[in-house]
Structures are given as structure tokens and as C-alpha cells.
Amino acid sequence: VQLQASGGGLVQAGGSLRLSCAASGSMLSINIMGWYRQAPGKQREMVASMSSGGSTLYADSVKGRFTISRDNAKTAVYLRMNSLKPEDTAVYYCKYYDRVNDYWGQGTLVTVSS
């Protein structure tokens, strides 16, 4: 599975961004796609995930501000980020995983200025 992420950029605090990640290749029907982020000097952390069945999971730090969604074909995942804060600055990675494998996309940088 190949993952192509896009949508990062520079935004002022309080602003919004939408990240997109398109998946291609052999995907199992039951899977999870999600977003992780890694800030400078910190460990990578889960931001949000969504199963092929529609179940979602969010990090406490983004609840109420970020929304994850997937397209009907379940081959793309999106992250709508509202009310962005400087502490949201990080490289964001999309991830696909199923019962057999897991794959990472390349990161996309999100920078939130104060």
C-alpha cells in the first residue's frame, strides 16, 4: 500500500487546514487509516484514526478541534484541523494498517504561528 499525504502548510493560530492522504495498492476490506504527528524533539503520537467501519478515535489534545473522515471508497483519509494552536506544529503522517501489515505515508509539515 502506498500513501500520499498533502495539505500541510503555514497557518496562524486559530486558523484551519485540511490534510489529505490517498492510498493505493492492495488493501484489505477491514482496515484502519489514521493520522500521527511528530513535533521536534518529541515522539510520534496518534492524532486521530478511523476504521473502515467508521469508528473514530482522537487524541485528547485535538478532540473538538480536529475531524477525521474517509471517502466512500475508503481509499483516502482526511483530517480537518480547526482552531489550530502553535503546539499543533509538527510533521503529520498518515498510516494504514490491517491485520497483516501497516504502512506509513511521507510526512507533511504543519506550522502554526502564534
C-alpha atoms as a PDB file:
ATOM      1  CA  VAL A   1       0.000   0.000   0.000  1.00  0.00           C
ATOM      2  CA  GLN A   2       1.297   3.413  -0.951  1.00  0.00           C
ATOM      3  CA  LEU A   3       0.168   6.539   0.859  1.00  0.00           C
ATOM      4  CA  GLN A   4       0.422  10.063  -0.459  1.00  0.00           C
ATOM      5  CA  ALA A   5      -0.213  12.848   2.011  1.00  0.00           C
ATOM      6  CA  SER A   6      -0.773  16.500   1.234  1.00  0.00           C
ATOM      7  CA  GLY A   7      -2.242  19.683   2.653  1.00  0.00           C
ATOM      8  CA  GLY A   8       0.280  20.883   5.188  1.00  0.00           C
ATOM      9  CA  GLY A   9       1.432  24.448   5.371  1.00  0.00           C
ATOM     10  CA  LEU A  10       1.833  27.563   7.460  1.00  0.00           C
ATOM     11  CA  VAL A  11      -1.194  28.952   9.248  1.00  0.00           C
ATOM     12  CA  GLN A  12      -1.796  31.438  12.025  1.00  0.00           C
ATOM     13  CA  ALA A  13      -3.091  30.331  15.385  1.00  0.00           C
ATOM     14  CA  GLY A  14      -6.851  29.936  15.252  1.00  0.00           C
ATOM     15  CA  GLY A  15      -6.768  29.042  11.592  1.00  0.00           C
ATOM     16  CA  SER A  16      -7.686  25.846   9.787  1.00  0.00           C
ATOM     17  CA  LEU A  17      -6.073  23.320   7.491  1.00  0.00           C
ATOM     18  CA  ARG A  18      -7.227  20.126   5.802  1.00  0.00           C
ATOM     19  CA  LEU A  19      -4.864  17.236   5.309  1.00  0.00           C
ATOM     20  CA  SER A  20      -5.469  14.569   2.708  1.00  0.00           C
ATOM     21  CA  CYS A  21      -3.972  11.124   2.271  1.00  0.00           C
ATOM     22  CA  ALA A  22      -4.651   8.930  -0.741  1.00  0.00           C
ATOM     23  CA  ALA A  23      -3.990   5.212  -0.545  1.00  0.00           C
ATOM     24  CA  SER A  24      -3.317   2.883  -3.435  1.00  0.00           C
ATOM     25  CA  GLY A  25      -2.430  -0.753  -3.720  1.00  0.00           C
ATOM     26  CA  SER A  26      -3.771  -3.892  -2.153  1.00  0.00           C
ATOM     27  CA  MET A  27      -5.908  -3.009   0.826  1.00  0.00           C
ATOM     28  CA  LEU A  28      -7.920  -5.358   2.980  1.00  0.00           C
ATOM     29  CA  SER A  29     -11.578  -4.530   3.416  1.00  0.00           C
ATOM     30  CA  ILE A  30     -11.176  -4.257   7.176  1.00  0.00           C
ATOM     31  CA  ASN A  31      -8.565  -1.667   7.961  1.00  0.00           C
ATOM     32  CA  ILE A  32      -7.773   1.476   9.823  1.00  0.00           C
ATOM     33  CA  MET A  33      -6.378   4.715   8.477  1.00  0.00           C
ATOM     34  CA  GLY A  34      -5.186   7.497  10.667  1.00  0.00           C
ATOM     35  CA  TRP A  35      -3.010  10.473  11.305  1.00  0.00           C
ATOM     36  CA  TYR A  36       0.008  10.711  13.571  1.00  0.00           C
ATOM     37  CA  ARG A  37       2.275  13.641  14.230  1.00  0.00           C
ATOM     38  CA  GLN A  38       5.782  14.236  15.431  1.00  0.00           C
ATOM     39  CA  ALA A  39       6.914  17.555  16.801  1.00  0.00           C
ATOM     40  CA  PRO A  40      10.609  18.442  17.025  1.00  0.00           C
ATOM     41  CA  GLY A  41      12.237  16.592  19.887  1.00  0.00           C
ATOM     42  CA  LYS A  42       9.117  14.609  20.674  1.00  0.00           C
ATOM     43  CA  GLN A  43       7.878  11.118  19.979  1.00  0.00           C
ATOM     44  CA  ARG A  44       5.390  10.401  17.264  1.00  0.00           C
ATOM     45  CA  GLU A  45       1.852  10.393  18.612  1.00  0.00           C
ATOM     46  CA  MET A  46      -1.535   9.333  17.342  1.00  0.00           C
ATOM     47  CA  VAL A  47      -3.794  12.215  16.404  1.00  0.00           C
ATOM     48  CA  ALA A  48      -6.879  10.515  15.000  1.00  0.00           C
ATOM     49  CA  SER A  49      -7.867   7.261  13.361  1.00  0.00           C
ATOM     50  CA  MET A  50     -10.868   5.874  11.580  1.00  0.00           C
ATOM     51  CA  SER A  51     -11.709   2.274  10.821  1.00  0.00           C
ATOM     52  CA  SER A  52     -13.239   1.059   7.591  1.00  0.00           C
ATOM     53  CA  GLY A  53     -16.385   0.553   9.643  1.00  0.00           C
ATOM     54  CA  GLY A  54     -16.495   4.193  10.650  1.00  0.00           C
ATOM     55  CA  SER A  55     -15.248   4.058  14.232  1.00  0.00           C
ATOM     56  CA  THR A  56     -13.088   7.006  15.198  1.00  0.00           C
ATOM     57  CA  LEU A  57     -10.524   7.691  17.854  1.00  0.00           C
ATOM     58  CA  TYR A  58      -8.990  11.041  18.772  1.00  0.00           C
ATOM     59  CA  ALA A  59      -6.161  12.194  20.971  1.00  0.00           C
ATOM     60  CA  ASP A  60      -7.477  14.227  23.894  1.00  0.00           C
ATOM     61  CA  SER A  61      -5.467  17.222  22.741  1.00  0.00           C
ATOM     62  CA  VAL A  62      -7.390  17.511  19.469  1.00  0.00           C
ATOM     63  CA  LYS A  63     -10.899  16.477  20.464  1.00  0.00           C
ATOM     64  CA  GLY A  64     -13.430  19.068  19.400  1.00  0.00           C
ATOM     65  CA  ARG A  65     -10.982  20.750  17.038  1.00  0.00           C
ATOM     66  CA  PHE A  66      -9.966  18.055  14.550  1.00  0.00           C
ATOM     67  CA  THR A  67     -12.238  15.836  12.485  1.00  0.00           C
ATOM     68  CA  ILE A  68     -11.144  12.727  10.645  1.00  0.00           C
ATOM     69  CA  SER A  69     -13.081  11.372   7.685  1.00  0.00           C
ATOM     70  CA  ARG A  70     -12.720   8.901   4.854  1.00  0.00           C
ATOM     71  CA  ASP A  71     -14.083   8.815   1.354  1.00  0.00           C
ATOM     72  CA  ASN A  72     -16.788   6.360   0.325  1.00  0.00           C
ATOM     73  CA  ALA A  73     -14.283   4.089  -1.370  1.00  0.00           C
ATOM     74  CA  LYS A  74     -12.254   4.014   1.849  1.00  0.00           C
ATOM     75  CA  THR A  75      -9.077   4.755  -0.071  1.00  0.00           C
ATOM     76  CA  ALA A  76      -8.498   8.226   1.283  1.00  0.00           C
ATOM     77  CA  VAL A  77      -8.429   9.763   4.713  1.00  0.00           C
ATOM     78  CA  TYR A  78      -8.763  13.417   5.623  1.00  0.00           C
ATOM     79  CA  LEU A  79      -8.063  15.473   8.693  1.00  0.00           C
ATOM     80  CA  ARG A  80      -9.865  18.748   9.120  1.00  0.00           C
ATOM     81  CA  MET A  81      -7.996  20.824  11.676  1.00  0.00           C
ATOM     82  CA  ASN A  82      -9.725  23.852  13.184  1.00  0.00           C
ATOM     83  CA  SER A  83      -8.700  26.273  15.914  1.00  0.00           C
ATOM     84  CA  LEU A  84      -5.078  25.392  15.366  1.00  0.00           C
ATOM     85  CA  LYS A  85      -2.602  26.124  18.120  1.00  0.00           C
ATOM     86  CA  PRO A  86       1.175  26.591  17.993  1.00  0.00           C
ATOM     87  CA  GLU A  87       1.514  23.291  19.832  1.00  0.00           C
ATOM     88  CA  ASP A  88      -0.088  21.569  16.844  1.00  0.00           C
ATOM     89  CA  THR A  89       3.064  22.320  14.870  1.00  0.00           C
ATOM     90  CA  ALA A  90       4.517  19.012  13.708  1.00  0.00           C
ATOM     91  CA  VAL A  91       5.101  16.750  10.785  1.00  0.00           C
ATOM     92  CA  TYR A  92       1.877  14.866  10.185  1.00  0.00           C
ATOM     93  CA  TYR A  93       1.948  11.315   8.857  1.00  0.00           C
ATOM     94  CA  CYS A  94      -0.880   9.187   7.585  1.00  0.00           C
ATOM     95  CA  LYS A  95      -0.932   5.497   8.356  1.00  0.00           C
ATOM     96  CA  TYR A  96      -2.778   2.498   7.017  1.00  0.00           C
ATOM     97  CA  TYR A  97      -2.946  -0.781   8.887  1.00  0.00           C
ATOM     98  CA  ASP A  98      -4.853  -4.024   8.766  1.00  0.00           C
ATOM     99  CA  ARG A  99      -4.466  -7.446  10.344  1.00  0.00           C
ATOM    100  CA  VAL A 100      -1.400  -8.189   8.217  1.00  0.00           C
ATOM    101  CA  ASN A 101       0.584  -5.042   7.572  1.00  0.00           C
ATOM    102  CA  ASP A 102       0.985  -1.396   8.356  1.00  0.00           C
ATOM    103  CA  TYR A 103       2.235   1.372   6.097  1.00  0.00           C
ATOM    104  CA  TRP A 104       3.246   4.972   6.557  1.00  0.00           C
ATOM    105  CA  GLY A 105       2.997   7.856   4.167  1.00  0.00           C
ATOM    106  CA  GLN A 106       5.546  10.589   3.861  1.00  0.00           C
ATOM    107  CA  GLY A 107       5.044  13.409   6.293  1.00  0.00           C
ATOM    108  CA  THR A 108       3.507  16.778   5.631  1.00  0.00           C
ATOM    109  CA  LEU A 109       4.609  19.730   7.723  1.00  0.00           C
ATOM    110  CA  VAL A 110       2.075  21.810   9.591  1.00  0.00           C
ATOM    111  CA  THR A 111       3.378  25.006  11.141  1.00  0.00           C
ATOM    112  CA  VAL A 112       1.120  27.128  13.328  1.00  0.00           C
ATOM    113  CA  SER A 113       2.408  30.599  14.103  1.00  0.00           C
ATOM    114  CA  SER A 114       1.395  32.487  17.211  1.00  0.00           C
END
